[in-house]
Amino acid sequence: KPCRNHYANAFSINQVHFSRNSVPSNISTLHQRKYFELIALSSSKNSESDLDPLVMRVKDIKDELQGLGVSYDDCFDKESLVQKLLNARENTTANSMHNDTTTDDVHNDDRETSDDLNGKDIKSFDRKETASELRKLKVKELRTMCAENKIRWANMIEKEDLVQALVNHKEKASLFSISGNLIPGEATDIDGKTLEQEVEAGASTPLLLDVYATWCGPCLQMAPQLKDAAQELGETVRVAKIDSDKYPQWASKLKVGGLPTLILFDGKSGKEFNRVEGALMKDQLLQFARSM
């Protein structure tokens, strides 16, 4: 088996002219094909990222994989590292081309939908920016985010697969929730920052807010009822919960006098439409949420 260094020494990446007559005659057809692949490479861009993995050092291959956010823990020799890098480059190029050609269309569709529903322009979802932020996270963090958002990630081998799954989820959520943190069919526990975003004018659906406390008996009694009601309301109403002890400024701002307090906000104007104090059962919650 010829040494791979044979090809590394056979030519320089900076050379500008090769001919098929220059191929060594004492190598097999398979290795001649590899030789011609390297020749084709030399006539393309001469940047470091364009180097064929076959002529790269193992350390350089690992560095590039790390830069692409791809784990190489399952690679135990140079051959497997080479294949991993080739696949990673192909996936990165494909994702980049897909995002470039579709992002503008997605943004335009989002703007048109927002205008039709609300009569005003809502900021569209930025796939590129979201993906860029997610790529800064570790694989373990991305998997945790997937689990929290009920995204099945077990078959996602590459980091980019996790990133794209989360981007798609956040894009869908942004059409339902202004902050992107509320999930259709769920009563989501939120913080003050999220609530501030959700009560802004310009949403396509009403917001049902439960102001509660962990020590409140009626609040605990109503929790499973609210969960069931949220599941039935689905995408028609945003359902959220906020802990009055963790965010007392919001309890004060909303003038909460008793717990639990349920407040229904108009999505288009962001203003309070109705409120009720005390625990409600599922049917009562559904009636209250649909009273607009």
C-alpha atoms as a PDB file:
ATOM      1  CA  LYS A   1       0.000   0.000   0.000  1.00  0.00           C
ATOM      2  CA  PRO A   2       1.637   3.275  -1.078  1.00  0.00           C
ATOM      3  CA  CYS A   3       2.322   5.806   1.636  1.00  0.00           C
ATOM      4  CA  ARG A   4      -0.064   8.733   1.533  1.00  0.00           C
ATOM      5  CA  ASN A   5       2.875  11.087   1.929  1.00  0.00           C
ATOM      6  CA  HIS A   6       3.729  10.113  -1.630  1.00  0.00           C
ATOM      7  CA  TYR A   7       0.883  12.331  -2.814  1.00  0.00           C
ATOM      8  CA  ALA A   8       1.666  15.094  -0.398  1.00  0.00           C
ATOM      9  CA  ASN A   9       5.189  15.262  -1.842  1.00  0.00           C
ATOM     10  CA  ALA A  10       4.128  14.711  -5.426  1.00  0.00           C
ATOM     11  CA  PHE A  11       2.926  18.267  -5.853  1.00  0.00           C
ATOM     12  CA  SER A  12       2.540  21.592  -4.111  1.00  0.00           C
ATOM     13  CA  ILE A  13      -0.836  23.234  -3.482  1.00  0.00           C
ATOM     14  CA  ASN A  14       0.643  26.439  -4.900  1.00  0.00           C
ATOM     15  CA  GLN A  15       1.472  24.815  -8.250  1.00  0.00           C
ATOM     16  CA  VAL A  16      -0.787  26.061 -11.030  1.00  0.00           C
ATOM     17  CA  HIS A  17      -0.333  23.469 -13.776  1.00  0.00           C
ATOM     18  CA  PHE A  18      -0.705  19.701 -13.816  1.00  0.00           C
ATOM     19  CA  SER A  19      -1.308  17.195 -16.544  1.00  0.00           C
ATOM     20  CA  ARG A  20      -2.550  13.635 -16.449  1.00  0.00           C
ATOM     21  CA  ASN A  21       0.752  12.573 -18.009  1.00  0.00           C
ATOM     22  CA  SER A  22       2.474  13.591 -14.779  1.00  0.00           C
ATOM     23  CA  VAL A  23       0.742  10.953 -12.662  1.00  0.00           C
ATOM     24  CA  PRO A  24       3.181   8.351 -11.364  1.00  0.00           C
ATOM     25  CA  SER A  25       2.830   5.134 -13.322  1.00  0.00           C
ATOM     26  CA  ASN A  26       3.585   2.820 -10.433  1.00  0.00           C
ATOM     27  CA  ILE A  27       0.430   3.471  -8.384  1.00  0.00           C
ATOM     28  CA  SER A  28      -2.932   1.743  -8.508  1.00  0.00           C
ATOM     29  CA  THR A  29      -6.080   3.044 -10.228  1.00  0.00           C
ATOM     30  CA  LEU A  30      -7.644   3.854  -6.872  1.00  0.00           C
ATOM     31  CA  HIS A  31      -4.689   5.942  -5.812  1.00  0.00           C
ATOM     32  CA  GLN A  32      -4.520   7.590  -9.222  1.00  0.00           C
ATOM     33  CA  ARG A  33      -8.080   8.772  -8.617  1.00  0.00           C
ATOM     34  CA  LYS A  34      -7.015  10.275  -5.302  1.00  0.00           C
ATOM     35  CA  TYR A  35      -4.074  11.873  -7.088  1.00  0.00           C
ATOM     36  CA  PHE A  36      -6.391  13.528  -9.631  1.00  0.00           C
ATOM     37  CA  GLU A  37      -8.675  14.720  -6.823  1.00  0.00           C
ATOM     38  CA  LEU A  38      -5.697  16.514  -5.346  1.00  0.00           C
ATOM     39  CA  ILE A  39      -4.863  17.976  -8.740  1.00  0.00           C
ATOM     40  CA  ALA A  40      -8.394  19.331  -9.043  1.00  0.00           C
ATOM     41  CA  LEU A  41      -8.065  20.752  -5.565  1.00  0.00           C
ATOM     42  CA  SER A  42      -4.907  22.640  -6.456  1.00  0.00           C
ATOM     43  CA  SER A  43      -6.706  24.587  -9.205  1.00  0.00           C
ATOM     44  CA  SER A  44      -9.463  25.720  -6.852  1.00  0.00           C
ATOM     45  CA  LYS A  45      -9.244  28.248  -4.023  1.00  0.00           C
ATOM     46  CA  ASN A  46      -5.968  27.985  -2.164  1.00  0.00           C
ATOM     47  CA  SER A  47      -7.243  28.853   1.302  1.00  0.00           C
ATOM     48  CA  GLU A  48      -6.514  26.606   4.259  1.00  0.00           C
ATOM     49  CA  SER A  49     -10.142  25.450   4.460  1.00  0.00           C
ATOM     50  CA  ASP A  50      -9.894  24.082   0.888  1.00  0.00           C
ATOM     51  CA  LEU A  51      -7.034  21.699   1.653  1.00  0.00           C
ATOM     52  CA  ASP A  52      -7.800  18.069   0.981  1.00  0.00           C
ATOM     53  CA  PRO A  53      -7.881  16.217   4.319  1.00  0.00           C
ATOM     54  CA  LEU A  54      -5.608  13.570   2.807  1.00  0.00           C
ATOM     55  CA  VAL A  55      -2.673  15.986   2.803  1.00  0.00           C
ATOM     56  CA  MET A  56      -3.538  17.642   6.125  1.00  0.00           C
ATOM     57  CA  ARG A  57      -1.941  16.758   9.421  1.00  0.00           C
ATOM     58  CA  VAL A  58      -4.093  15.014  12.006  1.00  0.00           C
ATOM     59  CA  LYS A  59      -3.814  18.031  14.303  1.00  0.00           C
ATOM     60  CA  ASP A  60      -5.043  20.359  11.530  1.00  0.00           C
ATOM     61  CA  ILE A  61      -7.995  18.074  10.781  1.00  0.00           C
ATOM     62  CA  LYS A  62      -8.984  18.035  14.442  1.00  0.00           C
ATOM     63  CA  ASP A  63      -8.645  21.830  14.666  1.00  0.00           C
ATOM     64  CA  GLU A  64     -10.950  22.324  11.677  1.00  0.00           C
ATOM     65  CA  LEU A  65     -13.513  19.852  13.038  1.00  0.00           C
ATOM     66  CA  GLN A  66     -13.462  21.676  16.353  1.00  0.00           C
ATOM     67  CA  GLY A  67     -13.967  24.974  14.540  1.00  0.00           C
ATOM     68  CA  LEU A  68     -17.000  23.515  12.771  1.00  0.00           C
ATOM     69  CA  GLY A  69     -18.408  22.324  16.099  1.00  0.00           C
ATOM     70  CA  VAL A  70     -18.121  18.648  15.141  1.00  0.00           C
ATOM     71  CA  SER A  71     -17.001  16.044  17.668  1.00  0.00           C
ATOM     72  CA  TYR A  72     -14.330  13.550  16.612  1.00  0.00           C
ATOM     73  CA  ASP A  73     -14.414  11.401  19.745  1.00  0.00           C
ATOM     74  CA  ASP A  74     -15.522   8.410  17.679  1.00  0.00           C
ATOM     75  CA  CYS A  75     -12.543   8.685  15.284  1.00  0.00           C
ATOM     76  CA  PHE A  76      -9.552   6.507  16.097  1.00  0.00           C
ATOM     77  CA  ASP A  77      -7.375   6.902  12.992  1.00  0.00           C
ATOM     78  CA  LYS A  78      -6.651   9.433  10.266  1.00  0.00           C
ATOM     79  CA  GLU A  79      -8.927   7.729   7.754  1.00  0.00           C
ATOM     80  CA  SER A  80     -11.987   8.163   9.977  1.00  0.00           C
ATOM     81  CA  LEU A  81     -10.975  11.775  10.719  1.00  0.00           C
ATOM     82  CA  VAL A  82     -10.699  12.489   6.993  1.00  0.00           C
ATOM     83  CA  GLN A  83     -14.167  11.095   6.324  1.00  0.00           C
ATOM     84  CA  LYS A  84     -15.608  13.026   9.271  1.00  0.00           C
ATOM     85  CA  LEU A  85     -14.151  16.308   7.968  1.00  0.00           C
ATOM     86  CA  LEU A  86     -15.399  15.705   4.418  1.00  0.00           C
ATOM     87  CA  ASN A  87     -18.927  15.073   5.741  1.00  0.00           C
ATOM     88  CA  ALA A  88     -18.773  18.114   8.015  1.00  0.00           C
ATOM     89  CA  ARG A  89     -17.697  20.383   5.143  1.00  0.00           C
ATOM     90  CA  GLU A  90     -20.466  19.037   2.935  1.00  0.00           C
ATOM     91  CA  ASN A  91     -23.121  19.556   5.627  1.00  0.00           C
ATOM     92  CA  THR A  92     -21.908  23.073   6.420  1.00  0.00           C
ATOM     93  CA  THR A  93     -21.987  24.069   2.754  1.00  0.00           C
ATOM     94  CA  ALA A  94     -25.446  22.571   2.216  1.00  0.00           C
ATOM     95  CA  ASN A  95     -26.899  24.280   5.299  1.00  0.00           C
ATOM     96  CA  SER A  96     -25.347  27.607   4.327  1.00  0.00           C
ATOM     97  CA  MET A  97     -26.773  27.435   0.787  1.00  0.00           C
ATOM     98  CA  HIS A  98     -30.194  26.419   2.103  1.00  0.00           C
ATOM     99  CA  ASN A  99     -30.320  29.239   4.637  1.00  0.00           C
ATOM    100  CA  ASP A 100     -29.162  31.833   2.097  1.00  0.00           C
ATOM    101  CA  THR A 101     -31.848  30.882  -0.412  1.00  0.00           C
ATOM    102  CA  THR A 102     -34.754  30.491   2.008  1.00  0.00           C
ATOM    103  CA  THR A 103     -34.281  33.034   4.793  1.00  0.00           C
ATOM    104  CA  ASP A 104     -35.564  36.002   2.780  1.00  0.00           C
ATOM    105  CA  ASP A 105     -38.663  34.074   1.694  1.00  0.00           C
ATOM    106  CA  VAL A 106     -39.382  32.981   5.258  1.00  0.00           C
ATOM    107  CA  HIS A 107     -39.004  36.531   6.529  1.00  0.00           C
ATOM    108  CA  ASN A 108     -41.301  37.916   3.839  1.00  0.00           C
ATOM    109  CA  ASP A 109     -43.952  35.311   4.602  1.00  0.00           C
ATOM    110  CA  ASP A 110     -43.747  36.104   8.321  1.00  0.00           C
ATOM    111  CA  ARG A 111     -44.170  39.831   7.676  1.00  0.00           C
ATOM    112  CA  GLU A 112     -47.157  39.294   5.416  1.00  0.00           C
ATOM    113  CA  THR A 113     -48.810  36.988   7.956  1.00  0.00           C
ATOM    114  CA  SER A 114     -48.212  39.484  10.757  1.00  0.00           C
ATOM    115  CA  ASP A 115     -49.706  42.325   8.739  1.00  0.00           C
ATOM    116  CA  ASP A 116     -52.797  40.305   7.858  1.00  0.00           C
ATOM    117  CA  LEU A 117     -53.416  39.180  11.427  1.00  0.00           C
ATOM    118  CA  ASN A 118     -52.565  42.285  13.385  1.00  0.00           C
ATOM    119  CA  GLY A 119     -52.539  45.217  11.012  1.00  0.00           C
ATOM    120  CA  LYS A 120     -48.979  46.033  12.034  1.00  0.00           C
ATOM    121  CA  ASP A 121     -45.430  44.920  11.312  1.00  0.00           C
ATOM    122  CA  ILE A 122     -43.920  42.444  13.784  1.00  0.00           C
ATOM    123  CA  LYS A 123     -40.194  41.799  13.732  1.00  0.00           C
ATOM    124  CA  SER A 124     -39.547  38.677  11.678  1.00  0.00           C
ATOM    125  CA  PHE A 125     -37.579  35.705  12.921  1.00  0.00           C
ATOM    126  CA  ASP A 126     -33.864  35.824  12.060  1.00  0.00           C
ATOM    127  CA  ARG A 127     -32.710  32.274  11.316  1.00  0.00           C
ATOM    128  CA  LYS A 128     -29.074  33.248  10.699  1.00  0.00           C
ATOM    129  CA  GLU A 129     -28.696  35.189  13.929  1.00  0.00           C
ATOM    130  CA  THR A 130     -30.436  32.494  15.955  1.00  0.00           C
ATOM    131  CA  ALA A 131     -28.280  29.743  14.443  1.00  0.00           C
ATOM    132  CA  SER A 132     -25.140  31.805  15.065  1.00  0.00           C
ATOM    133  CA  GLU A 133     -26.002  32.186  18.750  1.00  0.00           C
ATOM    134  CA  LEU A 134     -26.807  28.485  19.126  1.00  0.00           C
ATOM    135  CA  ARG A 135     -23.502  27.452  17.530  1.00  0.00           C
ATOM    136  CA  LYS A 136     -21.690  29.185  20.398  1.00  0.00           C
ATOM    137  CA  LEU A 137     -23.153  26.653  22.838  1.00  0.00           C
ATOM    138  CA  LYS A 138     -21.718  23.241  23.674  1.00  0.00           C
ATOM    139  CA  VAL A 139     -23.333  20.058  22.387  1.00  0.00           C
ATOM    140  CA  LYS A 140     -24.429  19.152  25.907  1.00  0.00           C
ATOM    141  CA  GLU A 141     -26.198  22.509  26.270  1.00  0.00           C
ATOM    142  CA  LEU A 142     -27.926  22.099  22.914  1.00  0.00           C
ATOM    143  CA  ARG A 143     -29.148  18.631  23.874  1.00  0.00           C
ATOM    144  CA  THR A 144     -30.512  20.013  27.140  1.00  0.00           C
ATOM    145  CA  MET A 145     -32.375  22.728  25.217  1.00  0.00           C
ATOM    146  CA  CYS A 146     -33.794  20.096  22.865  1.00  0.00           C
ATOM    147  CA  ALA A 147     -35.011  18.027  25.800  1.00  0.00           C
ATOM    148  CA  GLU A 148     -36.599  21.075  27.460  1.00  0.00           C
ATOM    149  CA  ASN A 149     -38.461  21.847  24.242  1.00  0.00           C
ATOM    150  CA  LYS A 150     -39.449  18.207  23.699  1.00  0.00           C
ATOM    151  CA  ILE A 151     -37.300  17.817  20.591  1.00  0.00           C
ATOM    152  CA  ARG A 152     -36.056  14.266  19.973  1.00  0.00           C
ATOM    153  CA  TRP A 153     -32.300  14.493  19.501  1.00  0.00           C
ATOM    154  CA  ALA A 154     -31.154  10.879  20.005  1.00  0.00           C
ATOM    155  CA  ASN A 155     -30.541  10.381  16.262  1.00  0.00           C
ATOM    156  CA  MET A 156     -28.794  13.729  15.811  1.00  0.00           C
ATOM    157  CA  ILE A 157     -25.086  12.933  15.556  1.00  0.00           C
ATOM    158  CA  GLU A 158     -23.643  16.255  14.434  1.00  0.00           C
ATOM    159  CA  LYS A 159     -23.802  19.510  16.393  1.00  0.00           C
ATOM    160  CA  GLU A 160     -25.287  21.274  13.363  1.00  0.00           C
ATOM    161  CA  ASP A 161     -28.243  18.869  13.408  1.00  0.00           C
ATOM    162  CA  LEU A 162     -29.054  20.025  16.941  1.00  0.00           C
ATOM    163  CA  VAL A 163     -28.655  23.665  15.941  1.00  0.00           C
ATOM    164  CA  GLN A 164     -31.003  23.367  12.973  1.00  0.00           C
ATOM    165  CA  ALA A 165     -33.619  21.469  15.008  1.00  0.00           C
ATOM    166  CA  LEU A 166     -33.634  24.251  17.613  1.00  0.00           C
ATOM    167  CA  VAL A 167     -33.739  26.968  14.955  1.00  0.00           C
ATOM    168  CA  ASN A 168     -36.781  25.340  13.347  1.00  0.00           C
ATOM    169  CA  HIS A 169     -38.474  25.011  16.733  1.00  0.00           C
ATOM    170  CA  LYS A 170     -37.790  28.640  17.665  1.00  0.00           C
ATOM    171  CA  GLU A 171     -39.013  29.860  14.287  1.00  0.00           C
ATOM    172  CA  LYS A 172     -42.301  28.020  14.710  1.00  0.00           C
ATOM    173  CA  ALA A 173     -42.629  29.257  18.296  1.00  0.00           C
ATOM    174  CA  SER A 174     -42.006  32.858  17.198  1.00  0.00           C
ATOM    175  CA  LEU A 175     -45.142  32.750  15.049  1.00  0.00           C
ATOM    176  CA  PHE A 176     -47.193  31.852  18.129  1.00  0.00           C
ATOM    177  CA  SER A 177     -45.356  33.766  20.846  1.00  0.00           C
ATOM    178  CA  ILE A 178     -43.777  37.232  20.665  1.00  0.00           C
ATOM    179  CA  SER A 179     -40.883  36.156  22.883  1.00  0.00           C
ATOM    180  CA  GLY A 180     -40.687  32.714  21.282  1.00  0.00           C
ATOM    181  CA  ASN A 181     -40.750  31.128  24.742  1.00  0.00           C
ATOM    182  CA  LEU A 182     -44.400  30.088  24.915  1.00  0.00           C
ATOM    183  CA  ILE A 183     -45.371  26.732  23.440  1.00  0.00           C
ATOM    184  CA  PRO A 184     -48.811  25.966  21.972  1.00  0.00           C
ATOM    185  CA  GLY A 185     -50.762  23.623  24.213  1.00  0.00           C
ATOM    186  CA  GLU A 186     -48.677  24.266  27.333  1.00  0.00           C
ATOM    187  CA  ALA A 187     -48.938  26.475  30.416  1.00  0.00           C
ATOM    188  CA  THR A 188     -45.397  27.865  30.425  1.00  0.00           C
ATOM    189  CA  ASP A 189     -43.731  29.192  33.560  1.00  0.00           C
ATOM    190  CA  ILE A 190     -42.103  32.482  32.534  1.00  0.00           C
ATOM    191  CA  ASP A 191     -39.888  35.226  33.961  1.00  0.00           C
ATOM    192  CA  GLY A 192     -40.423  38.966  34.048  1.00  0.00           C
ATOM    193  CA  LYS A 193     -38.546  39.636  30.817  1.00  0.00           C
ATOM    194  CA  THR A 194     -40.673  37.164  28.880  1.00  0.00           C
ATOM    195  CA  LEU A 195     -43.879  38.597  30.340  1.00  0.00           C
ATOM    196  CA  GLU A 196     -42.818  42.090  29.313  1.00  0.00           C
ATOM    197  CA  GLN A 197     -42.458  40.880  25.732  1.00  0.00           C
ATOM    198  CA  GLU A 198     -45.682  38.868  25.719  1.00  0.00           C
ATOM    199  CA  VAL A 199     -47.900  41.750  26.914  1.00  0.00           C
ATOM    200  CA  GLU A 200     -46.688  44.010  24.108  1.00  0.00           C
ATOM    201  CA  ALA A 201     -49.225  44.891  21.435  1.00  0.00           C
ATOM    202  CA  GLY A 202     -49.152  43.057  18.129  1.00  0.00           C
ATOM    203  CA  ALA A 203     -49.747  39.402  19.011  1.00  0.00           C
ATOM    204  CA  SER A 204     -52.116  37.245  16.995  1.00  0.00           C
ATOM    205  CA  THR A 205     -53.627  35.479  20.036  1.00  0.00           C
ATOM    206  CA  PRO A 206     -54.851  36.457  23.536  1.00  0.00           C
ATOM    207  CA  LEU A 207     -52.616  35.865  26.561  1.00  0.00           C
ATOM    208  CA  LEU A 208     -53.976  34.034  29.612  1.00  0.00           C
ATOM    209  CA  LEU A 209     -51.710  34.728  32.594  1.00  0.00           C
ATOM    210  CA  ASP A 210     -51.812  32.881  35.904  1.00  0.00           C
ATOM    211  CA  VAL A 211     -50.198  34.822  38.771  1.00  0.00           C
ATOM    212  CA  TYR A 212     -49.479  32.265  41.501  1.00  0.00           C
ATOM    213  CA  ALA A 213     -47.258  31.334  44.455  1.00  0.00           C
ATOM    214  CA  THR A 214     -45.717  27.989  45.344  1.00  0.00           C
ATOM    215  CA  TRP A 215     -47.130  28.109  48.896  1.00  0.00           C
ATOM    216  CA  CYS A 216     -50.688  28.869  47.705  1.00  0.00           C
ATOM    217  CA  GLY A 217     -53.035  25.875  48.100  1.00  0.00           C
ATOM    218  CA  PRO A 218     -55.649  26.987  45.531  1.00  0.00           C
ATOM    219  CA  CYS A 219     -52.816  27.733  43.070  1.00  0.00           C
ATOM    220  CA  LEU A 220     -51.508  24.181  43.386  1.00  0.00           C
ATOM    221  CA  GLN A 221     -55.041  22.847  43.047  1.00  0.00           C
ATOM    222  CA  MET A 222     -55.600  24.762  39.825  1.00  0.00           C
ATOM    223  CA  ALA A 223     -52.228  23.882  38.211  1.00  0.00           C
ATOM    224  CA  PRO A 224     -53.303  20.564  36.594  1.00  0.00           C
ATOM    225  CA  GLN A 225     -56.577  22.145  35.482  1.00  0.00           C
ATOM    226  CA  LEU A 226     -54.670  24.957  33.769  1.00  0.00           C
ATOM    227  CA  LYS A 227     -52.383  22.425  32.099  1.00  0.00           C
ATOM    228  CA  ASP A 228     -55.349  20.525  30.660  1.00  0.00           C
ATOM    229  CA  ALA A 229     -57.037  23.737  29.534  1.00  0.00           C
ATOM    230  CA  ALA A 230     -53.868  24.925  27.786  1.00  0.00           C
ATOM    231  CA  GLN A 231     -53.638  21.635  25.921  1.00  0.00           C
ATOM    232  CA  GLU A 232     -57.181  22.051  24.621  1.00  0.00           C
ATOM    233  CA  LEU A 233     -56.704  25.722  23.734  1.00  0.00           C
ATOM    234  CA  GLY A 234     -53.673  24.818  21.621  1.00  0.00           C
ATOM    235  CA  GLU A 235     -52.606  27.594  19.273  1.00  0.00           C
ATOM    236  CA  THR A 236     -55.658  29.786  19.930  1.00  0.00           C
ATOM    237  CA  VAL A 237     -54.494  31.216  23.269  1.00  0.00           C
ATOM    238  CA  ARG A 238     -51.058  31.773  24.804  1.00  0.00           C
ATOM    239  CA  VAL A 239     -51.047  30.388  28.347  1.00  0.00           C
ATOM    240  CA  ALA A 240     -48.392  31.492  30.843  1.00  0.00           C
ATOM    241  CA  LYS A 241     -47.677  31.412  34.581  1.00  0.00           C
ATOM    242  CA  ILE A 242     -45.549  33.744  36.703  1.00  0.00           C
ATOM    243  CA  ASP A 243     -44.431  33.282  40.321  1.00  0.00           C
ATOM    244  CA  SER A 244     -45.467  36.331  42.333  1.00  0.00           C
ATOM    245  CA  ASP A 245     -42.721  35.707  44.908  1.00  0.00           C
ATOM    246  CA  LYS A 246     -39.948  35.617  42.313  1.00  0.00           C
ATOM    247  CA  TYR A 247     -41.274  38.652  40.453  1.00  0.00           C
ATOM    248  CA  PRO A 248     -43.063  40.826  43.051  1.00  0.00           C
ATOM    249  CA  GLN A 249     -42.664  43.898  40.858  1.00  0.00           C
ATOM    250  CA  TRP A 250     -45.003  42.332  38.321  1.00  0.00           C
ATOM    251  CA  ALA A 251     -47.518  41.334  40.999  1.00  0.00           C
ATOM    252  CA  SER A 252     -47.503  44.975  42.098  1.00  0.00           C
ATOM    253  CA  LYS A 253     -47.646  46.343  38.550  1.00  0.00           C
ATOM    254  CA  LEU A 254     -50.616  44.109  37.724  1.00  0.00           C
ATOM    255  CA  LYS A 255     -52.273  45.060  41.046  1.00  0.00           C
ATOM    256  CA  VAL A 256     -52.700  41.472  42.158  1.00  0.00           C
ATOM    257  CA  GLY A 257     -54.699  41.320  45.390  1.00  0.00           C
ATOM    258  CA  GLY A 258     -55.304  37.583  45.795  1.00  0.00           C
ATOM    259  CA  LEU A 259     -53.886  34.310  44.546  1.00  0.00           C
ATOM    260  CA  PRO A 260     -54.285  32.825  42.122  1.00  0.00           C
ATOM    261  CA  THR A 261     -55.193  35.720  39.825  1.00  0.00           C
ATOM    262  CA  LEU A 262     -56.000  35.000  36.185  1.00  0.00           C
ATOM    263  CA  ILE A 263     -55.631  37.884  33.746  1.00  0.00           C
ATOM    264  CA  LEU A 264     -56.684  37.801  30.090  1.00  0.00           C
ATOM    265  CA  PHE A 265     -54.836  40.188  27.756  1.00  0.00           C
ATOM    266  CA  ASP A 266     -55.941  41.227  24.283  1.00  0.00           C
ATOM    267  CA  GLY A 267     -53.190  40.177  21.881  1.00  0.00           C
ATOM    268  CA  LYS A 268     -53.599  43.016  19.397  1.00  0.00           C
ATOM    269  CA  SER A 269     -53.649  45.895  21.878  1.00  0.00           C
ATOM    270  CA  GLY A 270     -51.701  44.279  24.724  1.00  0.00           C
ATOM    271  CA  LYS A 271     -54.250  45.621  27.220  1.00  0.00           C
ATOM    272  CA  GLU A 272     -55.996  43.742  29.996  1.00  0.00           C
ATOM    273  CA  PHE A 273     -59.404  42.474  28.903  1.00  0.00           C
ATOM    274  CA  ASN A 274     -60.623  40.651  31.993  1.00  0.00           C
ATOM    275  CA  ARG A 275     -59.455  39.097  35.273  1.00  0.00           C
ATOM    276  CA  VAL A 276     -60.675  36.749  37.982  1.00  0.00           C
ATOM    277  CA  GLU A 277     -59.359  35.787  41.419  1.00  0.00           C
ATOM    278  CA  GLY A 278     -59.492  32.263  42.828  1.00  0.00           C
ATOM    279  CA  ALA A 279     -58.981  28.775  41.429  1.00  0.00           C
ATOM    280  CA  LEU A 280     -60.997  27.690  38.392  1.00  0.00           C
ATOM    281  CA  MET A 281     -61.639  24.252  36.969  1.00  0.00           C
ATOM    282  CA  LYS A 282     -60.811  23.306  33.378  1.00  0.00           C
ATOM    283  CA  ASP A 283     -64.225  24.165  31.881  1.00  0.00           C
ATOM    284  CA  GLN A 284     -64.261  27.506  33.682  1.00  0.00           C
ATOM    285  CA  LEU A 285     -60.745  28.267  32.447  1.00  0.00           C
ATOM    286  CA  LEU A 286     -61.751  27.467  28.864  1.00  0.00           C
ATOM    287  CA  GLN A 287     -64.809  29.705  29.114  1.00  0.00           C
ATOM    288  CA  PHE A 288     -62.738  32.535  30.581  1.00  0.00           C
ATOM    289  CA  ALA A 289     -59.976  32.226  27.955  1.00  0.00           C
ATOM    290  CA  ARG A 290     -62.518  32.241  25.105  1.00  0.00           C
ATOM    291  CA  SER A 291     -64.550  35.161  26.465  1.00  0.00           C
ATOM    292  CA  MET A 292     -62.950  37.688  24.123  1.00  0.00           C
END
